[in-house]
Amino acid sequence: MTSLDHALDRALSAPDPSARLQAALTAGTRPHPDDLRVLIRRCGEEPDFFVRDMLTWAITRHPRDETVPLLLAELHSPTAQARAQALHTLSKIGDARAWPAITDAMLRDPDDELARTAWRTAAAVVPEVEQAQLARRLATQLGRGDREMQRSLGRAFVDLGDAADPVLADAQRGEDPEARLHAAVIRLLLRDPELGFEAAVHDAAEE
């Protein structure tokens, strides 16, 4: 570890989250190649949402050819937060190399935050020719979780646009009533993205 790494590591380990936020901001404002591994590692450990968001921004300030391979490697971390933050950062970078790394296990992960991040990232990086395939993979998660989880999956489907509609139409004919309702809600949002999730739930239930 270089002295630069050591100084950043100390700053990002400070007990005060405001100090850690400032350290991440400074690292992103003046990106240095030696900082990158420290920033990525801290993403998997940082407890504060706002600091994690600043760490992600700092990482995106580095060349993608340096960041993407390290983030892809982080997807194999045993820590769910590290995997989720790597996916989140990959979604911000938008590099197509992330697409093959998003497995069905990630999309179905029992950790809700990791699954939601995988849905969002997959929708952001999927090639157009594979959007329908992704919609079929996401359809296995229809009806999952609370309203916030279902809203997150809805956003991923809406991002896929027209490629999602036939898959959702099939899901509306399925056996699971919660999945059928969720599919109906998302189809309404595909037709009118301004409708809002709660309004779509109400309208779908009335149909």
N, C-alpha and C. Protein backbone atom coordinates (compact mmCIF):
# COMPACT_ATOMS: atom_id res chain seq x y z
N MET A 1 0.85 -1.20 0.00
CA MET A 1 0.00 0.00 0.00
C MET A 1 0.88 1.25 0.00
N THR A 2 0.59 2.20 -0.88
CA THR A 2 1.37 3.42 -0.94
C THR A 2 0.92 4.37 0.16
N SER A 3 1.72 5.43 0.36
CA SER A 3 1.35 6.41 1.38
C SER A 3 0.04 7.09 1.03
N LEU A 4 -0.21 7.27 -0.30
CA LEU A 4 -1.49 7.85 -0.72
C LEU A 4 -2.64 6.96 -0.30
N ASP A 5 -2.52 5.64 -0.58
CA ASP A 5 -3.55 4.69 -0.19
C ASP A 5 -3.77 4.76 1.32
N HIS A 6 -2.68 4.76 2.06
CA HIS A 6 -2.76 4.72 3.52
C HIS A 6 -3.50 5.96 4.05
N ALA A 7 -3.22 7.12 3.49
CA ALA A 7 -3.89 8.35 3.94
C ALA A 7 -5.38 8.30 3.62
N LEU A 8 -5.74 7.84 2.44
CA LEU A 8 -7.15 7.77 2.06
C LEU A 8 -7.87 6.72 2.92
N ASP A 9 -7.21 5.60 3.13
CA ASP A 9 -7.82 4.56 3.95
C ASP A 9 -8.11 5.07 5.35
N ARG A 10 -7.19 5.81 5.93
CA ARG A 10 -7.40 6.40 7.26
C ARG A 10 -8.57 7.38 7.24
N ALA A 11 -8.60 8.22 6.20
CA ALA A 11 -9.66 9.24 6.12
C ALA A 11 -11.04 8.59 5.96
N LEU A 12 -11.10 7.51 5.20
CA LEU A 12 -12.38 6.83 4.98
C LEU A 12 -12.77 5.91 6.14
N SER A 13 -11.89 5.80 7.11
CA SER A 13 -12.19 5.01 8.31
C SER A 13 -12.52 5.90 9.51
N ALA A 14 -12.59 7.20 9.30
CA ALA A 14 -12.87 8.13 10.41
C ALA A 14 -14.23 7.82 11.03
N PRO A 15 -14.37 8.01 12.34
CA PRO A 15 -15.66 7.71 12.98
C PRO A 15 -16.79 8.65 12.58
N ASP A 16 -16.44 9.87 12.16
CA ASP A 16 -17.46 10.86 11.77
C ASP A 16 -17.83 10.67 10.30
N PRO A 17 -19.12 10.38 9.99
CA PRO A 17 -19.51 10.19 8.59
C PRO A 17 -19.30 11.45 7.74
N SER A 18 -19.37 12.63 8.35
CA SER A 18 -19.11 13.86 7.59
C SER A 18 -17.66 13.91 7.10
N ALA A 19 -16.75 13.43 7.93
CA ALA A 19 -15.35 13.40 7.55
C ALA A 19 -15.12 12.38 6.44
N ARG A 20 -15.81 11.24 6.52
CA ARG A 20 -15.69 10.23 5.47
C ARG A 20 -16.28 10.74 4.16
N LEU A 21 -17.39 11.47 4.27
CA LEU A 21 -18.01 12.05 3.07
C LEU A 21 -17.05 13.03 2.40
N GLN A 22 -16.41 13.86 3.19
CA GLN A 22 -15.46 14.83 2.65
C GLN A 22 -14.26 14.12 2.01
N ALA A 23 -13.81 13.03 2.63
CA ALA A 23 -12.68 12.28 2.08
C ALA A 23 -13.04 11.69 0.72
N ALA A 24 -14.26 11.15 0.61
CA ALA A 24 -14.69 10.58 -0.67
C ALA A 24 -14.84 11.67 -1.73
N LEU A 25 -15.38 12.82 -1.33
CA LEU A 25 -15.52 13.95 -2.25
C LEU A 25 -14.16 14.40 -2.76
N THR A 26 -13.20 14.51 -1.87
CA THR A 26 -11.86 14.93 -2.26
C THR A 26 -11.22 13.91 -3.20
N ALA A 27 -11.42 12.62 -2.91
CA ALA A 27 -10.86 11.57 -3.77
C ALA A 27 -11.45 11.63 -5.17
N GLY A 28 -12.74 11.97 -5.28
CA GLY A 28 -13.36 12.07 -6.58
C GLY A 28 -13.00 13.34 -7.32
N THR A 29 -12.78 14.41 -6.57
CA THR A 29 -12.41 15.68 -7.18
C THR A 29 -11.02 15.63 -7.78
N ARG A 30 -10.13 14.90 -7.08
CA ARG A 30 -8.76 14.76 -7.58
C ARG A 30 -8.42 13.27 -7.68
N PRO A 31 -9.00 12.57 -8.67
CA PRO A 31 -8.81 11.11 -8.74
C PRO A 31 -7.35 10.73 -8.97
N HIS A 32 -6.91 9.74 -8.21
CA HIS A 32 -5.54 9.23 -8.34
C HIS A 32 -5.64 7.72 -8.51
N PRO A 33 -4.89 7.13 -9.45
CA PRO A 33 -5.02 5.68 -9.69
C PRO A 33 -4.83 4.82 -8.45
N ASP A 34 -3.98 5.26 -7.54
CA ASP A 34 -3.73 4.46 -6.34
C ASP A 34 -4.91 4.43 -5.37
N ASP A 35 -5.88 5.32 -5.59
CA ASP A 35 -7.04 5.37 -4.69
C ASP A 35 -8.12 4.35 -5.03
N LEU A 36 -8.10 3.84 -6.26
CA LEU A 36 -9.27 3.13 -6.77
C LEU A 36 -9.61 1.88 -5.95
N ARG A 37 -8.62 1.06 -5.63
CA ARG A 37 -8.92 -0.16 -4.87
C ARG A 37 -9.44 0.16 -3.47
N VAL A 38 -8.92 1.22 -2.88
CA VAL A 38 -9.41 1.62 -1.55
C VAL A 38 -10.87 2.05 -1.63
N LEU A 39 -11.22 2.83 -2.63
CA LEU A 39 -12.60 3.30 -2.79
C LEU A 39 -13.56 2.12 -2.98
N ILE A 40 -13.17 1.17 -3.82
CA ILE A 40 -14.04 0.02 -4.07
C ILE A 40 -14.19 -0.83 -2.82
N ARG A 41 -13.09 -1.06 -2.11
CA ARG A 41 -13.17 -1.86 -0.89
C ARG A 41 -14.06 -1.18 0.15
N ARG A 42 -13.92 0.15 0.28
CA ARG A 42 -14.71 0.86 1.29
C ARG A 42 -16.20 0.82 0.97
N CYS A 43 -16.56 0.71 -0.30
CA CYS A 43 -17.98 0.60 -0.67
C CYS A 43 -18.64 -0.59 0.01
N GLY A 44 -17.90 -1.66 0.17
CA GLY A 44 -18.45 -2.85 0.79
C GLY A 44 -18.50 -2.80 2.29
N GLU A 45 -17.92 -1.76 2.89
CA GLU A 45 -17.82 -1.66 4.35
C GLU A 45 -18.57 -0.45 4.92
N GLU A 46 -18.76 0.57 4.10
CA GLU A 46 -19.29 1.85 4.57
C GLU A 46 -20.75 1.72 5.01
N PRO A 47 -21.09 2.10 6.26
CA PRO A 47 -22.47 1.96 6.74
C PRO A 47 -23.41 3.09 6.32
N ASP A 48 -22.87 4.25 5.94
CA ASP A 48 -23.69 5.42 5.67
C ASP A 48 -24.04 5.50 4.18
N PHE A 49 -25.33 5.63 3.89
CA PHE A 49 -25.80 5.67 2.50
C PHE A 49 -25.15 6.81 1.71
N PHE A 50 -25.10 8.00 2.30
CA PHE A 50 -24.60 9.16 1.57
C PHE A 50 -23.11 9.05 1.29
N VAL A 51 -22.38 8.46 2.22
CA VAL A 51 -20.96 8.24 1.99
C VAL A 51 -20.77 7.21 0.88
N ARG A 52 -21.57 6.14 0.90
CA ARG A 52 -21.47 5.14 -0.17
C ARG A 52 -21.76 5.77 -1.53
N ASP A 53 -22.75 6.66 -1.56
CA ASP A 53 -23.08 7.31 -2.83
C ASP A 53 -21.91 8.17 -3.32
N MET A 54 -21.24 8.84 -2.40
CA MET A 54 -20.09 9.66 -2.78
C MET A 54 -18.92 8.77 -3.20
N LEU A 55 -18.75 7.64 -2.55
CA LEU A 55 -17.71 6.69 -2.97
C LEU A 55 -17.96 6.22 -4.40
N THR A 56 -19.21 5.92 -4.70
CA THR A 56 -19.56 5.51 -6.07
C THR A 56 -19.20 6.61 -7.06
N TRP A 57 -19.56 7.84 -6.73
CA TRP A 57 -19.23 8.95 -7.62
C TRP A 57 -17.71 9.06 -7.81
N ALA A 58 -16.97 8.91 -6.74
CA ALA A 58 -15.51 9.00 -6.82
C ALA A 58 -14.95 7.90 -7.73
N ILE A 59 -15.52 6.72 -7.65
CA ILE A 59 -15.06 5.61 -8.50
C ILE A 59 -15.33 5.93 -9.97
N THR A 60 -16.51 6.50 -10.25
CA THR A 60 -16.85 6.79 -11.66
C THR A 60 -15.97 7.88 -12.26
N ARG A 61 -15.22 8.57 -11.45
CA ARG A 61 -14.31 9.60 -11.95
C ARG A 61 -13.03 9.00 -12.54
N HIS A 62 -12.82 7.70 -12.33
CA HIS A 62 -11.66 7.02 -12.88
C HIS A 62 -11.99 6.42 -14.25
N PRO A 63 -11.00 6.18 -15.10
CA PRO A 63 -11.26 5.58 -16.42
C PRO A 63 -11.97 4.24 -16.30
N ARG A 64 -12.98 4.01 -17.13
CA ARG A 64 -13.76 2.79 -17.00
C ARG A 64 -12.95 1.53 -17.25
N ASP A 65 -11.90 1.61 -18.08
CA ASP A 65 -11.08 0.43 -18.32
C ASP A 65 -10.31 0.02 -17.07
N GLU A 66 -10.18 0.93 -16.11
CA GLU A 66 -9.56 0.58 -14.84
C GLU A 66 -10.62 0.14 -13.81
N THR A 67 -11.76 0.79 -13.84
CA THR A 67 -12.78 0.51 -12.82
C THR A 67 -13.57 -0.76 -13.10
N VAL A 68 -13.98 -0.97 -14.35
CA VAL A 68 -14.90 -2.07 -14.65
C VAL A 68 -14.34 -3.44 -14.26
N PRO A 69 -13.09 -3.77 -14.63
CA PRO A 69 -12.57 -5.09 -14.21
C PRO A 69 -12.55 -5.28 -12.69
N LEU A 70 -12.22 -4.24 -11.95
CA LEU A 70 -12.21 -4.36 -10.50
C LEU A 70 -13.62 -4.52 -9.93
N LEU A 71 -14.58 -3.82 -10.52
CA LEU A 71 -15.96 -3.95 -10.06
C LEU A 71 -16.53 -5.32 -10.40
N LEU A 72 -16.19 -5.83 -11.56
CA LEU A 72 -16.66 -7.18 -11.93
C LEU A 72 -16.09 -8.22 -10.97
N ALA A 73 -14.85 -8.06 -10.58
CA ALA A 73 -14.25 -8.98 -9.60
C ALA A 73 -14.96 -8.87 -8.26
N GLU A 74 -15.42 -7.68 -7.91
CA GLU A 74 -16.09 -7.46 -6.62
C GLU A 74 -17.44 -8.17 -6.57
N LEU A 75 -18.01 -8.51 -7.73
CA LEU A 75 -19.28 -9.23 -7.75
C LEU A 75 -19.17 -10.63 -7.14
N HIS A 76 -17.94 -11.10 -6.95
CA HIS A 76 -17.72 -12.41 -6.33
C HIS A 76 -17.41 -12.30 -4.84
N SER A 77 -17.53 -11.11 -4.29
CA SER A 77 -17.27 -10.91 -2.87
C SER A 77 -18.26 -11.72 -2.02
N PRO A 78 -17.83 -12.23 -0.87
CA PRO A 78 -18.78 -12.92 0.01
C PRO A 78 -19.73 -11.97 0.74
N THR A 79 -19.48 -10.66 0.63
CA THR A 79 -20.29 -9.66 1.33
C THR A 79 -21.37 -9.10 0.40
N ALA A 80 -22.63 -9.22 0.83
CA ALA A 80 -23.74 -8.76 -0.01
C ALA A 80 -23.63 -7.28 -0.33
N GLN A 81 -23.24 -6.45 0.65
CA GLN A 81 -23.13 -5.01 0.40
C GLN A 81 -22.07 -4.72 -0.66
N ALA A 82 -20.97 -5.44 -0.63
CA ALA A 82 -19.92 -5.22 -1.62
C ALA A 82 -20.43 -5.55 -3.01
N ARG A 83 -21.17 -6.64 -3.12
CA ARG A 83 -21.72 -7.03 -4.43
C ARG A 83 -22.75 -6.00 -4.91
N ALA A 84 -23.61 -5.58 -3.99
CA ALA A 84 -24.65 -4.61 -4.36
C ALA A 84 -24.04 -3.28 -4.78
N GLN A 85 -23.04 -2.82 -4.06
CA GLN A 85 -22.41 -1.54 -4.42
C GLN A 85 -21.65 -1.63 -5.73
N ALA A 86 -21.04 -2.79 -5.99
CA ALA A 86 -20.36 -2.96 -7.27
C ALA A 86 -21.37 -2.91 -8.41
N LEU A 87 -22.51 -3.57 -8.23
CA LEU A 87 -23.57 -3.52 -9.25
C LEU A 87 -24.06 -2.09 -9.44
N HIS A 88 -24.29 -1.41 -8.33
CA HIS A 88 -24.77 -0.02 -8.40
C HIS A 88 -23.79 0.86 -9.17
N THR A 89 -22.52 0.71 -8.89
CA THR A 89 -21.51 1.53 -9.58
C THR A 89 -21.45 1.17 -11.06
N LEU A 90 -21.56 -0.12 -11.37
CA LEU A 90 -21.58 -0.53 -12.78
C LEU A 90 -22.78 0.06 -13.51
N SER A 91 -23.91 0.18 -12.82
CA SER A 91 -25.09 0.79 -13.46
C SER A 91 -24.84 2.26 -13.76
N LYS A 92 -24.09 2.94 -12.90
CA LYS A 92 -23.76 4.35 -13.13
C LYS A 92 -22.79 4.51 -14.29
N ILE A 93 -21.87 3.56 -14.42
CA ILE A 93 -20.90 3.61 -15.53
C ILE A 93 -21.57 3.24 -16.84
N GLY A 94 -22.49 2.25 -16.78
CA GLY A 94 -23.23 1.87 -17.98
C GLY A 94 -22.42 1.11 -19.01
N ASP A 95 -21.43 0.37 -18.57
CA ASP A 95 -20.56 -0.37 -19.48
C ASP A 95 -21.18 -1.73 -19.80
N ALA A 96 -21.23 -2.08 -21.10
CA ALA A 96 -21.86 -3.33 -21.53
C ALA A 96 -21.16 -4.57 -21.00
N ARG A 97 -19.92 -4.45 -20.56
CA ARG A 97 -19.21 -5.61 -20.01
C ARG A 97 -19.86 -6.13 -18.74
N ALA A 98 -20.70 -5.33 -18.12
CA ALA A 98 -21.37 -5.78 -16.90
C ALA A 98 -22.49 -6.79 -17.21
N TRP A 99 -23.06 -6.74 -18.40
CA TRP A 99 -24.23 -7.55 -18.69
C TRP A 99 -24.00 -9.05 -18.50
N PRO A 100 -22.95 -9.65 -19.07
CA PRO A 100 -22.78 -11.10 -18.89
C PRO A 100 -22.54 -11.51 -17.45
N ALA A 101 -22.15 -10.57 -16.61
CA ALA A 101 -21.83 -10.90 -15.21
C ALA A 101 -23.07 -10.94 -14.32
N ILE A 102 -24.22 -10.47 -14.82
CA ILE A 102 -25.43 -10.42 -14.01
C ILE A 102 -26.16 -11.75 -14.16
N THR A 103 -26.06 -12.58 -13.14
CA THR A 103 -26.58 -13.94 -13.18
C THR A 103 -28.01 -14.00 -12.66
N ASP A 104 -28.67 -15.13 -12.95
CA ASP A 104 -29.99 -15.35 -12.39
C ASP A 104 -29.95 -15.37 -10.86
N ALA A 105 -28.84 -15.87 -10.32
CA ALA A 105 -28.70 -15.89 -8.85
C ALA A 105 -28.74 -14.49 -8.28
N MET A 106 -28.16 -13.52 -8.97
CA MET A 106 -28.21 -12.13 -8.52
C MET A 106 -29.63 -11.58 -8.62
N LEU A 107 -30.29 -11.86 -9.73
CA LEU A 107 -31.65 -11.33 -9.94
C LEU A 107 -32.63 -11.93 -8.94
N ARG A 108 -32.32 -13.11 -8.41
CA ARG A 108 -33.23 -13.79 -7.48
C ARG A 108 -32.67 -13.82 -6.06
N ASP A 109 -31.61 -13.06 -5.81
CA ASP A 109 -30.94 -13.13 -4.52
C ASP A 109 -31.92 -12.88 -3.37
N PRO A 110 -31.83 -13.66 -2.29
CA PRO A 110 -32.74 -13.43 -1.16
C PRO A 110 -32.51 -12.10 -0.44
N ASP A 111 -31.34 -11.51 -0.62
CA ASP A 111 -31.09 -10.17 -0.07
C ASP A 111 -31.81 -9.15 -0.95
N ASP A 112 -32.82 -8.50 -0.40
CA ASP A 112 -33.67 -7.62 -1.21
C ASP A 112 -32.87 -6.49 -1.87
N GLU A 113 -31.97 -5.88 -1.13
CA GLU A 113 -31.22 -4.75 -1.67
C GLU A 113 -30.34 -5.19 -2.83
N LEU A 114 -29.73 -6.36 -2.69
CA LEU A 114 -28.89 -6.88 -3.77
C LEU A 114 -29.72 -7.20 -4.99
N ALA A 115 -30.88 -7.84 -4.80
CA ALA A 115 -31.74 -8.16 -5.93
C ALA A 115 -32.22 -6.90 -6.64
N ARG A 116 -32.67 -5.91 -5.87
CA ARG A 116 -33.14 -4.66 -6.47
C ARG A 116 -32.04 -3.98 -7.28
N THR A 117 -30.83 -3.99 -6.75
CA THR A 117 -29.72 -3.38 -7.47
C THR A 117 -29.41 -4.14 -8.73
N ALA A 118 -29.49 -5.47 -8.67
CA ALA A 118 -29.25 -6.29 -9.86
C ALA A 118 -30.31 -6.01 -10.93
N TRP A 119 -31.58 -5.85 -10.54
CA TRP A 119 -32.63 -5.53 -11.51
C TRP A 119 -32.32 -4.22 -12.22
N ARG A 120 -31.99 -3.21 -11.43
CA ARG A 120 -31.74 -1.88 -11.99
C ARG A 120 -30.52 -1.89 -12.91
N THR A 121 -29.47 -2.57 -12.47
CA THR A 121 -28.24 -2.60 -13.27
C THR A 121 -28.46 -3.36 -14.56
N ALA A 122 -29.15 -4.50 -14.47
CA ALA A 122 -29.40 -5.30 -15.67
C ALA A 122 -30.17 -4.49 -16.71
N ALA A 123 -31.20 -3.77 -16.26
CA ALA A 123 -31.99 -2.97 -17.19
C ALA A 123 -31.17 -1.83 -17.81
N ALA A 124 -30.15 -1.38 -17.08
CA ALA A 124 -29.32 -0.27 -17.58
C ALA A 124 -28.29 -0.72 -18.61
N VAL A 125 -27.84 -1.98 -18.53
CA VAL A 125 -26.72 -2.39 -19.38
C VAL A 125 -27.09 -3.46 -20.41
N VAL A 126 -28.31 -3.98 -20.36
CA VAL A 126 -28.67 -5.06 -21.28
C VAL A 126 -28.65 -4.57 -22.73
N PRO A 127 -28.06 -5.34 -23.65
CA PRO A 127 -28.14 -4.98 -25.07
C PRO A 127 -29.59 -5.06 -25.55
N GLU A 128 -29.94 -4.23 -26.51
CA GLU A 128 -31.32 -4.18 -26.98
C GLU A 128 -31.83 -5.54 -27.43
N VAL A 129 -30.97 -6.32 -28.08
CA VAL A 129 -31.41 -7.61 -28.61
C VAL A 129 -31.71 -8.63 -27.51
N GLU A 130 -31.30 -8.34 -26.29
CA GLU A 130 -31.52 -9.28 -25.19
C GLU A 130 -32.51 -8.75 -24.16
N GLN A 131 -33.20 -7.66 -24.50
CA GLN A 131 -34.16 -7.08 -23.55
C GLN A 131 -35.31 -8.04 -23.25
N ALA A 132 -35.81 -8.74 -24.26
CA ALA A 132 -36.92 -9.66 -24.04
C ALA A 132 -36.48 -10.81 -23.14
N GLN A 133 -35.26 -11.28 -23.33
CA GLN A 133 -34.74 -12.35 -22.48
C GLN A 133 -34.65 -11.89 -21.03
N LEU A 134 -34.17 -10.67 -20.83
CA LEU A 134 -34.09 -10.13 -19.47
C LEU A 134 -35.48 -10.01 -18.87
N ALA A 135 -36.45 -9.58 -19.67
CA ALA A 135 -37.82 -9.46 -19.15
C ALA A 135 -38.33 -10.82 -18.66
N ARG A 136 -38.01 -11.89 -19.38
CA ARG A 136 -38.43 -13.22 -18.95
C ARG A 136 -37.74 -13.62 -17.65
N ARG A 137 -36.49 -13.25 -17.50
CA ARG A 137 -35.77 -13.56 -16.26
C ARG A 137 -36.34 -12.75 -15.09
N LEU A 138 -36.67 -11.49 -15.34
CA LEU A 138 -37.24 -10.66 -14.28
C LEU A 138 -38.65 -11.10 -13.89
N ALA A 139 -39.36 -11.71 -14.83
CA ALA A 139 -40.75 -12.12 -14.56
C ALA A 139 -40.83 -13.14 -13.44
N THR A 140 -39.73 -13.85 -13.16
CA THR A 140 -39.73 -14.81 -12.06
C THR A 140 -39.87 -14.11 -10.71
N GLN A 141 -39.65 -12.80 -10.68
CA GLN A 141 -39.70 -12.05 -9.43
C GLN A 141 -40.99 -11.25 -9.26
N LEU A 142 -41.92 -11.37 -10.19
CA LEU A 142 -43.19 -10.66 -10.07
C LEU A 142 -43.92 -11.09 -8.80
N GLY A 143 -44.43 -10.10 -8.09
CA GLY A 143 -45.15 -10.37 -6.86
C GLY A 143 -44.27 -10.47 -5.63
N ARG A 144 -42.97 -10.33 -5.81
CA ARG A 144 -42.06 -10.49 -4.68
C ARG A 144 -42.07 -9.27 -3.75
N GLY A 145 -42.06 -9.53 -2.46
CA GLY A 145 -41.77 -8.49 -1.48
C GLY A 145 -42.86 -7.46 -1.25
N ASP A 146 -42.46 -6.39 -0.57
CA ASP A 146 -43.39 -5.32 -0.23
C ASP A 146 -43.58 -4.37 -1.40
N ARG A 147 -44.33 -3.32 -1.15
CA ARG A 147 -44.67 -2.39 -2.23
C ARG A 147 -43.41 -1.74 -2.82
N GLU A 148 -42.43 -1.44 -1.97
CA GLU A 148 -41.21 -0.79 -2.47
C GLU A 148 -40.43 -1.73 -3.37
N MET A 149 -40.37 -3.01 -3.01
CA MET A 149 -39.70 -4.00 -3.86
C MET A 149 -40.41 -4.10 -5.21
N GLN A 150 -41.74 -4.14 -5.15
CA GLN A 150 -42.50 -4.28 -6.39
C GLN A 150 -42.37 -3.03 -7.26
N ARG A 151 -42.27 -1.88 -6.63
CA ARG A 151 -42.05 -0.65 -7.38
C ARG A 151 -40.69 -0.69 -8.09
N SER A 152 -39.68 -1.22 -7.42
CA SER A 152 -38.35 -1.31 -8.00
C SER A 152 -38.34 -2.22 -9.23
N LEU A 153 -39.00 -3.36 -9.12
CA LEU A 153 -39.07 -4.26 -10.26
C LEU A 153 -39.85 -3.61 -11.40
N GLY A 154 -40.90 -2.88 -11.04
CA GLY A 154 -41.67 -2.17 -12.06
C GLY A 154 -40.81 -1.19 -12.84
N ARG A 155 -39.93 -0.48 -12.15
CA ARG A 155 -39.06 0.48 -12.84
C ARG A 155 -38.13 -0.23 -13.81
N ALA A 156 -37.63 -1.40 -13.42
CA ALA A 156 -36.76 -2.15 -14.33
C ALA A 156 -37.52 -2.57 -15.58
N PHE A 157 -38.76 -3.03 -15.42
CA PHE A 157 -39.56 -3.41 -16.58
C PHE A 157 -39.86 -2.21 -17.47
N VAL A 158 -40.19 -1.08 -16.85
CA VAL A 158 -40.48 0.12 -17.63
C VAL A 158 -39.25 0.55 -18.43
N ASP A 159 -38.07 0.40 -17.85
CA ASP A 159 -36.84 0.72 -18.57
C ASP A 159 -36.67 -0.16 -19.81
N LEU A 160 -37.21 -1.37 -19.77
CA LEU A 160 -37.09 -2.28 -20.92
C LEU A 160 -38.09 -1.93 -22.02
N GLY A 161 -39.12 -1.18 -21.68
CA GLY A 161 -40.06 -0.70 -22.69
C GLY A 161 -40.87 -1.80 -23.35
N ASP A 162 -41.06 -1.69 -24.67
CA ASP A 162 -41.95 -2.59 -25.41
C ASP A 162 -41.54 -4.05 -25.31
N ALA A 163 -40.26 -4.32 -25.12
CA ALA A 163 -39.81 -5.71 -25.03
C ALA A 163 -40.40 -6.43 -23.83
N ALA A 164 -40.84 -5.67 -22.82
CA ALA A 164 -41.36 -6.28 -21.61
C ALA A 164 -42.83 -6.65 -21.72
N ASP A 165 -43.58 -6.00 -22.60
CA ASP A 165 -45.03 -6.15 -22.57
C ASP A 165 -45.51 -7.57 -22.84
N PRO A 166 -45.00 -8.29 -23.87
CA PRO A 166 -45.48 -9.66 -24.08
C PRO A 166 -45.21 -10.57 -22.89
N VAL A 167 -44.10 -10.38 -22.22
CA VAL A 167 -43.76 -11.19 -21.05
C VAL A 167 -44.75 -10.91 -19.93
N LEU A 168 -45.07 -9.65 -19.73
CA LEU A 168 -46.02 -9.27 -18.68
C LEU A 168 -47.43 -9.77 -19.01
N ALA A 169 -47.79 -9.75 -20.30
CA ALA A 169 -49.10 -10.27 -20.70
C ALA A 169 -49.20 -11.75 -20.37
N ASP A 170 -48.12 -12.51 -20.59
CA ASP A 170 -48.10 -13.92 -20.22
C ASP A 170 -48.24 -14.09 -18.72
N ALA A 171 -47.56 -13.24 -17.96
CA ALA A 171 -47.60 -13.33 -16.51
C ALA A 171 -49.01 -13.06 -15.98
N GLN A 172 -49.77 -12.22 -16.66
CA GLN A 172 -51.14 -11.94 -16.24
C GLN A 172 -52.05 -13.16 -16.35
N ARG A 173 -51.59 -14.16 -17.13
CA ARG A 173 -52.37 -15.39 -17.27
C ARG A 173 -51.84 -16.51 -16.36
N GLY A 174 -50.91 -16.17 -15.49
CA GLY A 174 -50.32 -17.17 -14.61
C GLY A 174 -51.21 -17.53 -13.43
N GLU A 175 -50.72 -18.42 -12.57
CA GLU A 175 -51.51 -18.94 -11.46
C GLU A 175 -51.39 -18.11 -10.18
N ASP A 176 -50.29 -17.36 -10.04
CA ASP A 176 -50.04 -16.61 -8.80
C ASP A 176 -50.79 -15.28 -8.85
N PRO A 177 -51.79 -15.07 -7.97
CA PRO A 177 -52.58 -13.84 -8.05
C PRO A 177 -51.75 -12.58 -7.79
N GLU A 178 -50.74 -12.66 -6.90
CA GLU A 178 -49.91 -11.49 -6.62
C GLU A 178 -49.06 -11.13 -7.84
N ALA A 179 -48.54 -12.14 -8.52
CA ALA A 179 -47.75 -11.91 -9.73
C ALA A 179 -48.64 -11.37 -10.85
N ARG A 180 -49.87 -11.89 -10.94
CA ARG A 180 -50.78 -11.40 -11.98
C ARG A 180 -51.08 -9.92 -11.78
N LEU A 181 -51.37 -9.53 -10.54
CA LEU A 181 -51.67 -8.13 -10.25
C LEU A 181 -50.44 -7.26 -10.52
N HIS A 182 -49.29 -7.71 -10.09
CA HIS A 182 -48.05 -6.94 -10.30
C HIS A 182 -47.81 -6.73 -11.79
N ALA A 183 -48.00 -7.78 -12.60
CA ALA A 183 -47.82 -7.66 -14.05
C ALA A 183 -48.81 -6.65 -14.63
N ALA A 184 -50.06 -6.68 -14.16
CA ALA A 184 -51.06 -5.74 -14.66
C ALA A 184 -50.68 -4.30 -14.32
N VAL A 185 -50.17 -4.10 -13.11
CA VAL A 185 -49.74 -2.77 -12.69
C VAL A 185 -48.62 -2.26 -13.59
N ILE A 186 -47.65 -3.09 -13.85
CA ILE A 186 -46.52 -2.65 -14.68
C ILE A 186 -46.95 -2.38 -16.11
N ARG A 187 -47.88 -3.16 -16.62
CA ARG A 187 -48.36 -2.90 -17.99
C ARG A 187 -49.05 -1.53 -18.08
N LEU A 188 -49.78 -1.16 -17.02
CA LEU A 188 -50.37 0.17 -17.00
C LEU A 188 -49.28 1.25 -16.99
N LEU A 189 -48.20 1.00 -16.25
CA LEU A 189 -47.10 1.96 -16.20
C LEU A 189 -46.36 2.04 -17.52
N LEU A 190 -46.28 0.93 -18.24
CA LEU A 190 -45.67 0.95 -19.57
C LEU A 190 -46.46 1.85 -20.51
N ARG A 191 -47.78 1.80 -20.38
CA ARG A 191 -48.62 2.63 -21.25
C ARG A 191 -48.62 4.10 -20.81
N ASP A 192 -48.47 4.31 -19.50
CA ASP A 192 -48.49 5.69 -18.96
C ASP A 192 -47.50 5.79 -17.80
N PRO A 193 -46.21 6.03 -18.10
CA PRO A 193 -45.20 6.10 -17.04
C PRO A 193 -45.45 7.19 -16.00
N GLU A 194 -46.27 8.18 -16.35
CA GLU A 194 -46.58 9.27 -15.42
C GLU A 194 -47.67 8.90 -14.42
N LEU A 195 -48.26 7.73 -14.59
CA LEU A 195 -49.40 7.36 -13.75
C LEU A 195 -49.03 7.24 -12.28
N GLY A 196 -47.86 6.68 -12.00
CA GLY A 196 -47.46 6.46 -10.61
C GLY A 196 -47.86 5.07 -10.15
N PHE A 197 -47.02 4.47 -9.33
CA PHE A 197 -47.23 3.07 -8.95
C PHE A 197 -48.52 2.87 -8.17
N GLU A 198 -48.76 3.72 -7.18
CA GLU A 198 -49.95 3.54 -6.33
C GLU A 198 -51.23 3.67 -7.15
N ALA A 199 -51.26 4.65 -8.03
CA ALA A 199 -52.44 4.83 -8.89
C ALA A 199 -52.62 3.61 -9.80
N ALA A 200 -51.51 3.08 -10.31
CA ALA A 200 -51.58 1.91 -11.18
C ALA A 200 -52.11 0.70 -10.42
N VAL A 201 -51.68 0.55 -9.15
CA VAL A 201 -52.19 -0.54 -8.32
C VAL A 201 -53.71 -0.43 -8.17
N HIS A 202 -54.17 0.78 -7.90
CA HIS A 202 -55.61 1.01 -7.73
C HIS A 202 -56.36 0.68 -9.02
N ASP A 203 -55.84 1.16 -10.16
CA ASP A 203 -56.53 0.94 -11.43
C ASP A 203 -56.51 -0.54 -11.81
N ALA A 204 -55.38 -1.22 -11.57
CA ALA A 204 -55.29 -2.63 -11.92
C ALA A 204 -56.26 -3.47 -11.07
N ALA A 205 -56.40 -3.11 -9.82
CA ALA A 205 -57.30 -3.85 -8.93
C ALA A 205 -58.75 -3.65 -9.33
N GLU A 206 -59.06 -2.52 -9.97
CA GLU A 206 -60.43 -2.24 -10.39
C GLU A 206 -60.79 -2.92 -11.69
N GLU A 207 -59.79 -3.35 -12.44
CA GLU A 207 -60.07 -3.96 -13.76
C GLU A 207 -60.66 -5.35 -13.61
